[in-house]
PDB file of N, CA and C in Angstrom:
ATOM      1  N   LEU A   1       0.833  -1.181   0.000  1.00  0.00           N
ATOM      2  CA  LEU A   1       0.000   0.000   0.000  1.00  0.00           C
ATOM      3  C   LEU A   1       0.877   1.243   0.000  1.00  0.00           C
ATOM      4  N   PRO A   2       0.514   2.211  -0.806  1.00  0.00           N
ATOM      5  CA  PRO A   2       1.298   3.443  -0.784  1.00  0.00           C
ATOM      6  C   PRO A   2       1.082   4.198   0.521  1.00  0.00           C
ATOM      7  N   THR A   3       2.132   4.785   0.975  1.00  0.00           N
ATOM      8  CA  THR A   3       2.044   5.582   2.195  1.00  0.00           C
ATOM      9  C   THR A   3       1.891   7.045   1.815  1.00  0.00           C
ATOM     10  N   PRO A   4       1.134   7.790   2.599  1.00  0.00           N
ATOM     11  CA  PRO A   4       0.972   9.207   2.278  1.00  0.00           C
ATOM     12  C   PRO A   4       2.285   9.961   2.473  1.00  0.00           C
ATOM     13  N   VAL A   5       2.539  10.854   1.591  1.00  0.00           N
ATOM     14  CA  VAL A   5       3.753  11.655   1.638  1.00  0.00           C
ATOM     15  C   VAL A   5       3.360  13.064   2.038  1.00  0.00           C
ATOM     16  N   SER A   6       4.083  13.594   2.993  1.00  0.00           N
ATOM     17  CA  SER A   6       3.768  14.960   3.402  1.00  0.00           C
ATOM     18  C   SER A   6       4.270  15.930   2.344  1.00  0.00           C
ATOM     19  N   PRO A   7       3.562  17.016   2.134  1.00  0.00           N
ATOM     20  CA  PRO A   7       4.006  17.988   1.130  1.00  0.00           C
ATOM     21  C   PRO A   7       5.303  18.653   1.574  1.00  0.00           C
ATOM     22  N   PRO A   8       6.106  19.089   0.619  1.00  0.00           N
ATOM     23  CA  PRO A   8       7.377  19.726   0.988  1.00  0.00           C
ATOM     24  C   PRO A   8       7.133  21.033   1.731  1.00  0.00           C
ATOM     25  N   HIS A   9       8.036  21.326   2.607  1.00  0.00           N
ATOM     26  CA  HIS A   9       7.948  22.562   3.385  1.00  0.00           C
ATOM     27  C   HIS A   9       8.280  23.744   2.482  1.00  0.00           C
ATOM     28  N   PRO A  10       7.526  24.857   2.575  1.00  0.00           N
ATOM     29  CA  PRO A  10       7.788  26.005   1.690  1.00  0.00           C
ATOM     30  C   PRO A  10       9.202  26.558   1.826  1.00  0.00           C
ATOM     31  N   LEU A  11       9.764  26.509   3.035  1.00  0.00           N
ATOM     32  CA  LEU A  11      11.119  27.044   3.196  1.00  0.00           C
ATOM     33  C   LEU A  11      12.154  26.157   2.514  1.00  0.00           C
ATOM     34  N   SER A  12      11.923  24.834   2.499  1.00  0.00           N
ATOM     35  CA  SER A  12      12.873  23.964   1.808  1.00  0.00           C
ATOM     36  C   SER A  12      12.771  24.153   0.294  1.00  0.00           C
ATOM     37  N   ALA A  13      11.570  24.408  -0.208  1.00  0.00           N
ATOM     38  CA  ALA A  13      11.418  24.687  -1.640  1.00  0.00           C
ATOM     39  C   ALA A  13      12.095  26.007  -2.002  1.00  0.00           C
ATOM     40  N   ARG A  14      11.960  26.996  -1.148  1.00  0.00           N
ATOM     41  CA  ARG A  14      12.617  28.287  -1.387  1.00  0.00           C
ATOM     42  C   ARG A  14      14.131  28.138  -1.353  1.00  0.00           C
ATOM     43  N   ALA A  15      14.625  27.323  -0.431  1.00  0.00           N
ATOM     44  CA  ALA A  15      16.071  27.092  -0.349  1.00  0.00           C
ATOM     45  C   ALA A  15      16.572  26.360  -1.589  1.00  0.00           C
ATOM     46  N   ALA A  16      15.786  25.397  -2.079  1.00  0.00           N
ATOM     47  CA  ALA A  16      16.183  24.679  -3.297  1.00  0.00           C
ATOM     48  C   ALA A  16      16.209  25.622  -4.490  1.00  0.00           C
ATOM     49  N   ALA A  17      15.225  26.512  -4.582  1.00  0.00           N
ATOM     50  CA  ALA A  17      15.200  27.477  -5.687  1.00  0.00           C
ATOM     51  C   ALA A  17      16.391  28.427  -5.595  1.00  0.00           C
ATOM     52  N   SER A  18      16.734  28.831  -4.390  1.00  0.00           N
ATOM     53  CA  SER A  18      17.895  29.718  -4.218  1.00  0.00           C
ATOM     54  C   SER A  18      19.182  29.012  -4.618  1.00  0.00           C
ATOM     55  N   ARG A  19      19.299  27.739  -4.239  1.00  0.00           N
ATOM     56  CA  ARG A  19      20.489  26.977  -4.645  1.00  0.00           C
ATOM     57  C   ARG A  19      20.568  26.842  -6.159  1.00  0.00           C
ATOM     58  N   LEU A  20      19.437  26.560  -6.789  1.00  0.00           N
ATOM     59  CA  LEU A  20      19.428  26.429  -8.237  1.00  0.00           C
ATOM     60  C   LEU A  20      19.794  27.739  -8.922  1.00  0.00           C
ATOM     61  N   LEU A  21      19.288  28.857  -8.410  1.00  0.00           N
ATOM     62  CA  LEU A  21      19.635  30.153  -8.998  1.00  0.00           C
ATOM     63  C   LEU A  21      21.120  30.462  -8.825  1.00  0.00           C
ATOM     64  N   ALA A  22      21.679  30.078  -7.678  1.00  0.00           N
ATOM     65  CA  ALA A  22      23.117  30.276  -7.470  1.00  0.00           C
ATOM     66  C   ALA A  22      23.923  29.412  -8.434  1.00  0.00           C
ATOM     67  N   ILE A  23      23.476  28.179  -8.651  1.00  0.00           N
ATOM     68  CA  ILE A  23      24.160  27.303  -9.604  1.00  0.00           C
ATOM     69  C   ILE A  23      24.054  27.883 -11.017  1.00  0.00           C
ATOM     70  N   GLY A  24      22.889  28.439 -11.367  1.00  0.00           N
ATOM     71  CA  GLY A  24      22.726  29.081 -12.673  1.00  0.00           C
ATOM     72  C   GLY A  24      23.664  30.263 -12.834  1.00  0.00           C
ATOM     73  N   LEU A  25      23.838  31.031 -11.764  1.00  0.00           N
ATOM     74  CA  LEU A  25      24.759  32.166 -11.814  1.00  0.00           C
ATOM     75  C   LEU A  25      26.196  31.688 -12.000  1.00  0.00           C
ATOM     76  N   LEU A  26      26.573  30.646 -11.272  1.00  0.00           N
ATOM     77  CA  LEU A  26      27.941  30.116 -11.397  1.00  0.00           C
ATOM     78  C   LEU A  26      28.192  29.525 -12.778  1.00  0.00           C
ATOM     79  N   LEU A  27      27.243  28.740 -13.273  1.00  0.00           N
ATOM     80  CA  LEU A  27      27.435  28.139 -14.595  1.00  0.00           C
ATOM     81  C   LEU A  27      27.412  29.195 -15.704  1.00  0.00           C
ATOM     82  N   GLY A  28      26.543  30.184 -15.571  1.00  0.00           N
ATOM     83  CA  GLY A  28      26.524  31.270 -16.545  1.00  0.00           C
ATOM     84  C   GLY A  28      27.822  32.061 -16.533  1.00  0.00           C
ATOM     85  N   SER A  29      28.367  32.283 -15.338  1.00  0.00           N
ATOM     86  CA  SER A  29      29.645  32.994 -15.237  1.00  0.00           C
ATOM     87  C   SER A  29      30.786  32.173 -15.826  1.00  0.00           C
ATOM     88  N   ALA A  30      30.761  30.859 -15.579  1.00  0.00           N
ATOM     89  CA  ALA A  30      31.802  30.003 -16.143  1.00  0.00           C
ATOM     90  C   ALA A  30      31.719  29.977 -17.668  1.00  0.00           C
ATOM     91  N   LEU A  31      30.512  29.879 -18.182  1.00  0.00           N
ATOM     92  CA  LEU A  31      30.345  29.888 -19.635  1.00  0.00           C
ATOM     93  C   LEU A  31      30.768  31.230 -20.225  1.00  0.00           C
ATOM     94  N   ALA A  32      30.463  32.312 -19.524  1.00  0.00           N
ATOM     95  CA  ALA A  32      30.882  33.635 -19.993  1.00  0.00           C
ATOM     96  C   ALA A  32      32.401  33.737 -20.025  1.00  0.00           C
ATOM     97  N   ALA A  33      33.060  33.206 -19.010  1.00  0.00           N
ATOM     98  CA  ALA A  33      34.524  33.268 -18.972  1.00  0.00           C
ATOM     99  C   ALA A  33      35.143  32.452 -20.104  1.00  0.00           C
ATOM    100  N   VAL A  34      34.596  31.267 -20.351  1.00  0.00           N
ATOM    101  CA  VAL A  34      35.122  30.430 -21.437  1.00  0.00           C
ATOM    102  C   VAL A  34      34.885  31.094 -22.786  1.00  0.00           C
ATOM    103  N   GLN A  35      33.682  31.634 -22.960  1.00  0.00           N
ATOM    104  CA  GLN A  35      33.359  32.275 -24.231  1.00  0.00           C
ATOM    105  C   GLN A  35      34.210  33.525 -24.431  1.00  0.00           C
ATOM    106  N   LEU A  36      34.422  34.287 -23.372  1.00  0.00           N
ATOM    107  CA  LEU A  36      35.229  35.502 -23.487  1.00  0.00           C
ATOM    108  C   LEU A  36      36.686  35.164 -23.772  1.00  0.00           C
ATOM    109  N   ALA A  37      37.182  34.121 -23.123  1.00  0.00           N
ATOM    110  CA  ALA A  37      38.576  33.734 -23.331  1.00  0.00           C
ATOM    111  C   ALA A  37      38.826  33.213 -24.737  1.00  0.00           C
ATOM    112  N   SER A  38      37.839  32.546 -25.309  1.00  0.00           N
ATOM    113  CA  SER A  38      38.051  31.958 -26.634  1.00  0.00           C
ATOM    114  C   SER A  38      37.523  32.816 -27.779  1.00  0.00           C
ATOM    115  N   SER A  39      36.810  33.887 -27.464  1.00  0.00           N
ATOM    116  CA  SER A  39      36.155  34.639 -28.539  1.00  0.00           C
ATOM    117  C   SER A  39      37.153  35.326 -29.468  1.00  0.00           C
ATOM    118  N   PHE A  40      38.216  35.880 -28.933  1.00  0.00           N
ATOM    119  CA  PHE A  40      39.152  36.592 -29.799  1.00  0.00           C
ATOM    120  C   PHE A  40      39.934  35.628 -30.694  1.00  0.00           C
ATOM    121  N   ALA A  41      40.208  34.440 -30.195  1.00  0.00           N
ATOM    122  CA  ALA A  41      40.885  33.451 -31.034  1.00  0.00           C
ATOM    123  C   ALA A  41      39.949  32.925 -32.118  1.00  0.00           C
ATOM    124  N   LEU A  42      38.653  32.828 -31.787  1.00  0.00           N
ATOM    125  CA  LEU A  42      37.695  32.300 -32.756  1.00  0.00           C
ATOM    126  C   LEU A  42      37.300  33.313 -33.819  1.00  0.00           C
ATOM    127  N   LEU A  43      37.545  34.591 -33.577  1.00  0.00           N
ATOM    128  CA  LEU A  43      37.187  35.592 -34.588  1.00  0.00           C
ATOM    129  C   LEU A  43      37.935  35.357 -35.890  1.00  0.00           C
ATOM    130  N   GLY A  44      39.172  34.910 -35.796  1.00  0.00           N
ATOM    131  CA  GLY A  44      39.956  34.625 -36.990  1.00  0.00           C
ATOM    132  C   GLY A  44      39.465  33.407 -37.750  1.00  0.00           C
ATOM    133  N   VAL A  45      38.756  32.518 -37.083  1.00  0.00           N
ATOM    134  CA  VAL A  45      38.233  31.319 -37.743  1.00  0.00           C
ATOM    135  C   VAL A  45      37.062  31.674 -38.651  1.00  0.00           C
ATOM    136  N   PHE A  46      36.249  32.623 -38.213  1.00  0.00           N
ATOM    137  CA  PHE A  46      35.028  32.932 -38.944  1.00  0.00           C
ATOM    138  C   PHE A  46      35.218  33.971 -40.041  1.00  0.00           C
ATOM    139  N   SER A  47      36.261  34.777 -39.951  1.00  0.00           N
ATOM    140  CA  SER A  47      36.516  35.755 -41.010  1.00  0.00           C
ATOM    141  C   SER A  47      38.006  36.067 -41.083  1.00  0.00           C
ATOM    142  N   PRO A  48      38.565  36.026 -42.280  1.00  0.00           N
ATOM    143  CA  PRO A  48      39.979  36.364 -42.420  1.00  0.00           C
ATOM    144  C   PRO A  48      40.218  37.879 -42.525  1.00  0.00           C
ATOM    145  N   LEU A  49      39.147  38.647 -42.666  1.00  0.00           N
ATOM    146  CA  LEU A  49      39.304  40.088 -42.844  1.00  0.00           C
ATOM    147  C   LEU A  49      39.526  40.784 -41.507  1.00  0.00           C
ATOM    148  N   PRO A  50      40.611  41.559 -41.377  1.00  0.00           N
ATOM    149  CA  PRO A  50      40.884  42.243 -40.105  1.00  0.00           C
ATOM    150  C   PRO A  50      39.812  43.272 -39.743  1.00  0.00           C
ATOM    151  N   GLU A  51      39.177  43.867 -40.744  1.00  0.00           N
ATOM    152  CA  GLU A  51      38.129  44.844 -40.458  1.00  0.00           C
ATOM    153  C   GLU A  51      36.919  44.188 -39.802  1.00  0.00           C
ATOM    154  N   VAL A  52      36.574  43.010 -40.302  1.00  0.00           N
ATOM    155  CA  VAL A  52      35.439  42.272 -39.734  1.00  0.00           C
ATOM    156  C   VAL A  52      35.779  41.789 -38.324  1.00  0.00           C
ATOM    157  N   GLN A  53      36.998  41.318 -38.135  1.00  0.00           N
ATOM    158  CA  GLN A  53      37.413  40.863 -36.812  1.00  0.00           C
ATOM    159  C   GLN A  53      37.379  42.008 -35.807  1.00  0.00           C
ATOM    160  N   ALA A  54      37.831  43.179 -36.216  1.00  0.00           N
ATOM    161  CA  ALA A  54      37.814  44.338 -35.312  1.00  0.00           C
ATOM    162  C   ALA A  54      36.386  44.763 -34.999  1.00  0.00           C
ATOM    163  N   ALA A  55      35.518  44.705 -35.989  1.00  0.00           N
ATOM    164  CA  ALA A  55      34.125  45.104 -35.768  1.00  0.00           C
ATOM    165  C   ALA A  55      33.374  44.100 -34.909  1.00  0.00           C
ATOM    166  N   ALA A  56      33.817  42.857 -34.877  1.00  0.00           N
ATOM    167  CA  ALA A  56      33.106  41.818 -34.122  1.00  0.00           C
ATOM    168  C   ALA A  56      33.590  41.682 -32.683  1.00  0.00           C
ATOM    169  N   LYS A  57      34.622  42.407 -32.279  1.00  0.00           N
ATOM    170  CA  LYS A  57      35.155  42.251 -30.922  1.00  0.00           C
ATOM    171  C   LYS A  57      34.164  42.705 -29.863  1.00  0.00           C
ATOM    172  N   VAL A  58      33.592  43.881 -30.021  1.00  0.00           N
ATOM    173  CA  VAL A  58      32.656  44.395 -29.005  1.00  0.00           C
ATOM    174  C   VAL A  58      31.394  43.541 -28.921  1.00  0.00           C
ATOM    175  N   PRO A  59      30.757  43.163 -30.043  1.00  0.00           N
ATOM    176  CA  PRO A  59      29.591  42.283 -29.911  1.00  0.00           C
ATOM    177  C   PRO A  59      29.904  40.925 -29.278  1.00  0.00           C
ATOM    178  N   SER A  60      31.109  40.399 -29.520  1.00  0.00           N
ATOM    179  CA  SER A  60      31.442  39.114 -28.905  1.00  0.00           C
ATOM    180  C   SER A  60      31.634  39.252 -27.393  1.00  0.00           C
ATOM    181  N   VAL A  61      32.155  40.377 -26.940  1.00  0.00           N
ATOM    182  CA  VAL A  61      32.285  40.620 -25.498  1.00  0.00           C
ATOM    183  C   VAL A  61      30.904  40.793 -24.874  1.00  0.00           C
ATOM    184  N   ILE A  62      30.032  41.533 -25.546  1.00  0.00           N
ATOM    185  CA  ILE A  62      28.667  41.717 -25.034  1.00  0.00           C
ATOM    186  C   ILE A  62      27.945  40.376 -24.964  1.00  0.00           C
ATOM    187  N   GLY A  63      28.089  39.561 -25.999  1.00  0.00           N
ATOM    188  CA  GLY A  63      27.469  38.239 -25.994  1.00  0.00           C
ATOM    189  C   GLY A  63      28.004  37.352 -24.881  1.00  0.00           C
ATOM    190  N   SER A  64      29.288  37.471 -24.592  1.00  0.00           N
ATOM    191  CA  SER A  64      29.863  36.697 -23.493  1.00  0.00           C
ATOM    192  C   SER A  64      29.283  37.126 -22.153  1.00  0.00           C
ATOM    193  N   LEU A  65      29.156  38.409 -21.949  1.00  0.00           N
ATOM    194  CA  LEU A  65      28.631  38.913 -20.673  1.00  0.00           C
ATOM    195  C   LEU A  65      27.156  38.575 -20.494  1.00  0.00           C
ATOM    196  N   LEU A  66      26.424  38.449 -21.589  1.00  0.00           N
ATOM    197  CA  LEU A  66      25.015  38.090 -21.486  1.00  0.00           C
ATOM    198  C   LEU A  66      24.810  36.658 -21.006  1.00  0.00           C
ATOM    199  N   GLN A  67      25.834  35.820 -21.082  1.00  0.00           N
ATOM    200  CA  GLN A  67      25.704  34.444 -20.617  1.00  0.00           C
ATOM    201  C   GLN A  67      25.441  34.378 -19.113  1.00  0.00           C
ATOM    202  N   VAL A  68      25.942  35.352 -18.376  1.00  0.00           N
ATOM    203  CA  VAL A  68      25.682  35.395 -16.930  1.00  0.00           C
ATOM    204  C   VAL A  68      24.183  35.569 -16.687  1.00  0.00           C
ATOM    205  N   ILE A  69      23.571  36.493 -17.417  1.00  0.00           N
ATOM    206  CA  ILE A  69      22.138  36.728 -17.280  1.00  0.00           C
ATOM    207  C   ILE A  69      21.358  35.507 -17.750  1.00  0.00           C
ATOM    208  N   ASN A  70      21.811  34.875 -18.833  1.00  0.00           N
ATOM    209  CA  ASN A  70      21.111  33.703 -19.373  1.00  0.00           C
ATOM    210  C   ASN A  70      21.078  32.549 -18.376  1.00  0.00           C
ATOM    211  N   GLY A  71      22.173  32.335 -17.653  1.00  0.00           N
ATOM    212  CA  GLY A  71      22.205  31.244 -16.679  1.00  0.00           C
ATOM    213  C   GLY A  71      21.140  31.404 -15.609  1.00  0.00           C
ATOM    214  N   VAL A  72      20.998  32.613 -15.093  1.00  0.00           N
ATOM    215  CA  VAL A  72      19.994  32.871 -14.062  1.00  0.00           C
ATOM    216  C   VAL A  72      18.591  32.839 -14.667  1.00  0.00           C
ATOM    217  N   THR A  73      18.436  33.367 -15.867  1.00  0.00           N
ATOM    218  CA  THR A  73      17.118  33.428 -16.501  1.00  0.00           C
ATOM    219  C   THR A  73      16.568  32.036 -16.780  1.00  0.00           C
ATOM    220  N   PHE A  74      17.388  31.148 -17.301  1.00  0.00           N
ATOM    221  CA  PHE A  74      16.912  29.804 -17.614  1.00  0.00           C
ATOM    222  C   PHE A  74      16.506  29.048 -16.355  1.00  0.00           C
ATOM    223  N   ILE A  75      17.292  29.177 -15.293  1.00  0.00           N
ATOM    224  CA  ILE A  75      16.942  28.521 -14.034  1.00  0.00           C
ATOM    225  C   ILE A  75      15.673  29.146 -13.461  1.00  0.00           C
ATOM    226  N   GLY A  76      15.585  30.461 -13.492  1.00  0.00           N
ATOM    227  CA  GLY A  76      14.397  31.136 -12.967  1.00  0.00           C
ATOM    228  C   GLY A  76      13.138  30.746 -13.725  1.00  0.00           C
ATOM    229  N   GLU A  77      13.254  30.607 -15.020  1.00  0.00           N
ATOM    230  CA  GLU A  77      12.100  30.191 -15.816  1.00  0.00           C
ATOM    231  C   GLU A  77      11.674  28.764 -15.456  1.00  0.00           C
ATOM    232  N   GLY A  78      12.646  27.897 -15.249  1.00  0.00           N
ATOM    233  CA  GLY A  78      12.325  26.534 -14.849  1.00  0.00           C
ATOM    234  C   GLY A  78      11.665  26.474 -13.481  1.00  0.00           C
ATOM    235  N   VAL A  79      12.124  27.294 -12.547  1.00  0.00           N
ATOM    236  CA  VAL A  79      11.500  27.344 -11.231  1.00  0.00           C
ATOM    237  C   VAL A  79      10.077  27.878 -11.337  1.00  0.00           C
ATOM    238  N   MET A  80       9.881  28.890 -12.157  1.00  0.00           N
ATOM    239  CA  MET A  80       8.529  29.438 -12.312  1.00  0.00           C
ATOM    240  C   MET A  80       7.583  28.429 -12.943  1.00  0.00           C
ATOM    241  N   ILE A  81       8.052  27.677 -13.918  1.00  0.00           N
ATOM    242  CA  ILE A  81       7.198  26.648 -14.525  1.00  0.00           C
ATOM    243  C   ILE A  81       6.902  25.548 -13.501  1.00  0.00           C
ATOM    244  N   GLY A  82       7.912  25.176 -12.720  1.00  0.00           N
ATOM    245  CA  GLY A  82       7.714  24.134 -11.721  1.00  0.00           C
ATOM    246  C   GLY A  82       6.740  24.524 -10.630  1.00  0.00           C
ATOM    247  N   THR A  83       6.713  25.800 -10.277  1.00  0.00           N
ATOM    248  CA  THR A  83       5.794  26.247  -9.229  1.00  0.00           C
ATOM    249  C   THR A  83       4.446  26.682  -9.776  1.00  0.00           C
ATOM    250  N   GLY A  84       4.341  26.744 -11.101  1.00  0.00           N
ATOM    251  CA  GLY A  84       3.077  27.157 -11.706  1.00  0.00           C
ATOM    252  C   GLY A  84       2.831  28.638 -11.655  1.00  0.00           C
ATOM    253  N   SER A  85       3.872  29.424 -11.471  1.00  0.00           N
ATOM    254  CA  SER A  85       3.699  30.883 -11.385  1.00  0.00           C
ATOM    255  C   SER A  85       4.169  31.587 -12.650  1.00  0.00           C
ATOM    256  N   HIS A  86       4.031  30.955 -13.779  1.00  0.00           N
ATOM    257  CA  HIS A  86       4.513  31.504 -15.048  1.00  0.00           C
ATOM    258  C   HIS A  86       3.446  32.282 -15.803  1.00  0.00           C
ATOM    259  N   THR A  87       2.270  32.408 -15.252  1.00  0.00           N
ATOM    260  CA  THR A  87       1.197  33.091 -15.979  1.00  0.00           C
ATOM    261  C   THR A  87       1.225  34.580 -15.776  1.00  0.00           C
TER     262      THR A  87
END
C-alpha cells in the first residue's frame, strides 16, 4: 500500500530554488569566462578580414557577458514553470 507523503515545506522549496539560482549564476559565469577567453581566437576562424574581426570584438564581449544573465534566466524560468507561477 502506498504511504501518504507529506508535502514539501515552503522554506525547503525556497532554499532549493535559491540553490538552483546560485548554480545558474555560477554556470553562466563560467560559460561567460570560457566564451570571453576563446572569442578573440575564434574571430579569426570565422573571417579572415581584419576589419570584420575588429568590428566583431565588441559584440562578442557583449554576448559573453550576457551568458551570466542567461544562466539565471533559464533557471528562474524553470523554477517558475515548476511552481506554476509563469502566468
